[in-house]
C-alpha atoms as a PDB file:
ATOM      1  CA  UNK A   1      -0.142  -0.049   0.009  1.00  0.00           C
ATOM      2  CA  UNK A   2       2.695   2.412   0.871  1.00  0.00           C
ATOM      3  CA  UNK A   3       4.732   1.560  -2.264  1.00  0.00           C
ATOM      4  CA  UNK A   4       1.746   2.301  -4.418  1.00  0.00           C
ATOM      5  CA  UNK A   5       1.039   5.550  -2.698  1.00  0.00           C
ATOM      6  CA  UNK A   6       4.752   6.629  -3.116  1.00  0.00           C
ATOM      7  CA  UNK A   7       4.811   5.582  -6.774  1.00  0.00           C
ATOM      8  CA  UNK A   8       1.504   7.615  -7.385  1.00  0.00           C
ATOM      9  CA  UNK A   9       2.893  10.742  -5.645  1.00  0.00           C
ATOM     10  CA  UNK A  10       6.215  10.434  -7.655  1.00  0.00           C
ATOM     11  CA  UNK A  11       4.451  10.050 -10.798  1.00  0.00           C
ATOM     12  CA  UNK A  12       2.136  13.085 -10.025  1.00  0.00           C
ATOM     13  CA  UNK A  13       5.297  15.186  -9.157  1.00  0.00           C
ATOM     14  CA  UNK A  14       6.988  14.281 -12.315  1.00  0.00           C
ATOM     15  CA  UNK A  15       3.965  15.012 -14.535  1.00  0.00           C
ATOM     16  CA  UNK A  16       3.394  18.449 -12.796  1.00  0.00           C
ATOM     17  CA  UNK A  17       6.933  19.351 -13.404  1.00  0.00           C
ATOM     18  CA  UNK A  18       7.178  18.259 -17.093  1.00  0.00           C
ATOM     19  CA  UNK A  19       4.782  21.089 -18.054  1.00  0.00           C
ATOM     20  CA  UNK A  20       7.423  23.694 -16.962  1.00  0.00           C
ATOM     21  CA  UNK A  21      10.210  22.085 -18.972  1.00  0.00           C
ATOM     22  CA  UNK A  22       9.148  23.399 -22.251  1.00  0.00           C
ATOM     23  CA  UNK A  23      11.090  26.262 -23.995  1.00  0.00           C
ATOM     24  CA  UNK A  24       9.534  29.620 -24.175  1.00  0.00           C
ATOM     25  CA  UNK A  25       8.012  30.259 -27.583  1.00  0.00           C
ATOM     26  CA  UNK A  26       9.052  33.882 -28.560  1.00  0.00           C
ATOM     27  CA  UNK A  27       5.637  34.705 -29.980  1.00  0.00           C
ATOM     28  CA  UNK A  28       3.030  34.481 -32.560  1.00  0.00           C
ATOM     29  CA  UNK A  29       2.296  36.875 -35.347  1.00  0.00           C
ATOM     30  CA  UNK A  30      -1.114  38.622 -34.959  1.00  0.00           C
ATOM     31  CA  UNK A  31      -3.775  38.020 -37.715  1.00  0.00           C
ATOM     32  CA  UNK A  32      -4.274  41.562 -39.103  1.00  0.00           C
ATOM     33  CA  UNK A  33      -6.543  42.679 -41.769  1.00  0.00           C
ATOM     34  CA  UNK A  34      -4.997  45.469 -43.789  1.00  0.00           C
ATOM     35  CA  UNK A  35      -8.276  47.211 -44.573  1.00  0.00           C
ATOM     36  CA  UNK A  36      -9.199  47.574 -40.980  1.00  0.00           C
ATOM     37  CA  UNK A  37      -9.709  51.250 -39.905  1.00  0.00           C
ATOM     38  CA  UNK A  38     -11.283  50.482 -36.453  1.00  0.00           C
ATOM     39  CA  UNK A  39     -11.575  47.700 -34.083  1.00  0.00           C
ATOM     40  CA  UNK A  40     -14.546  46.298 -32.058  1.00  0.00           C
ATOM     41  CA  UNK A  41     -14.837  46.899 -28.478  1.00  0.00           C
ATOM     42  CA  UNK A  42     -14.953  43.199 -27.673  1.00  0.00           C
ATOM     43  CA  UNK A  43     -12.581  42.407 -24.797  1.00  0.00           C
ATOM     44  CA  UNK A  44     -10.580  39.492 -25.752  1.00  0.00           C
ATOM     45  CA  UNK A  45      -7.028  40.355 -24.314  1.00  0.00           C
ATOM     46  CA  UNK A  46      -3.694  39.268 -25.697  1.00  0.00           C
ATOM     47  CA  UNK A  47      -0.538  39.748 -24.073  1.00  0.00           C
ATOM     48  CA  UNK A  48       2.223  41.249 -26.294  1.00  0.00           C
ATOM     49  CA  UNK A  49       5.996  40.513 -26.272  1.00  0.00           C
ATOM     50  CA  UNK A  50       6.376  44.111 -25.052  1.00  0.00           C
ATOM     51  CA  UNK A  51       4.710  43.107 -21.757  1.00  0.00           C
ATOM     52  CA  UNK A  52       1.466  45.088 -22.447  1.00  0.00           C
ATOM     53  CA  UNK A  53      -2.024  43.638 -22.456  1.00  0.00           C
ATOM     54  CA  UNK A  54      -3.857  44.699 -25.608  1.00  0.00           C
ATOM     55  CA  UNK A  55      -7.670  44.626 -25.393  1.00  0.00           C
ATOM     56  CA  UNK A  56      -7.892  42.428 -28.499  1.00  0.00           C
ATOM     57  CA  UNK A  57      -5.786  41.160 -31.515  1.00  0.00           C
ATOM     58  CA  UNK A  58      -7.130  44.066 -33.680  1.00  0.00           C
ATOM     59  CA  UNK A  59      -5.710  46.642 -31.325  1.00  0.00           C
ATOM     60  CA  UNK A  60      -2.389  44.878 -31.335  1.00  0.00           C
ATOM     61  CA  UNK A  61      -2.438  45.081 -35.080  1.00  0.00           C
ATOM     62  CA  UNK A  62      -3.263  48.885 -34.949  1.00  0.00           C
ATOM     63  CA  UNK A  63      -0.251  49.272 -32.648  1.00  0.00           C
ATOM     64  CA  UNK A  64       2.014  47.347 -34.915  1.00  0.00           C
ATOM     65  CA  UNK A  65       1.081  49.795 -37.816  1.00  0.00           C
ATOM     66  CA  UNK A  66       2.593  52.499 -35.653  1.00  0.00           C
ATOM     67  CA  UNK A  67       5.864  50.689 -34.837  1.00  0.00           C
ATOM     68  CA  UNK A  68       8.919  49.844 -36.758  1.00  0.00           C
ATOM     69  CA  UNK A  69       9.170  46.430 -35.182  1.00  0.00           C
ATOM     70  CA  UNK A  70       6.039  44.491 -34.733  1.00  0.00           C
ATOM     71  CA  UNK A  71       4.999  43.198 -31.280  1.00  0.00           C
ATOM     72  CA  UNK A  72       4.102  39.548 -31.319  1.00  0.00           C
ATOM     73  CA  UNK A  73       1.386  37.768 -29.218  1.00  0.00           C
ATOM     74  CA  UNK A  74       3.152  36.178 -26.192  1.00  0.00           C
ATOM     75  CA  UNK A  75      -0.029  34.463 -24.949  1.00  0.00           C
ATOM     76  CA  UNK A  76      -3.816  34.803 -25.218  1.00  0.00           C
ATOM     77  CA  UNK A  77      -5.118  36.449 -22.125  1.00  0.00           C
ATOM     78  CA  UNK A  78      -3.936  39.275 -20.027  1.00  0.00           C
ATOM     79  CA  UNK A  79      -0.080  39.513 -19.203  1.00  0.00           C
END
């Protein structure tokens, strides 16, 4: 009984640590529509590689039009 419990706890610990062993992905390019003049007010946040949370992917695209180097999507959701 103790051996089984120890084995299960060890397996659980290894599985929980394996998720953190991945290399950090540098970022994903935002899907931009070149004809967009305005963005919706729908809040669907994206975290940019600049550390700023953008309200949605469209707002990130608008910011990229102003910049010399584009900001990528680090993750979906707030930073």
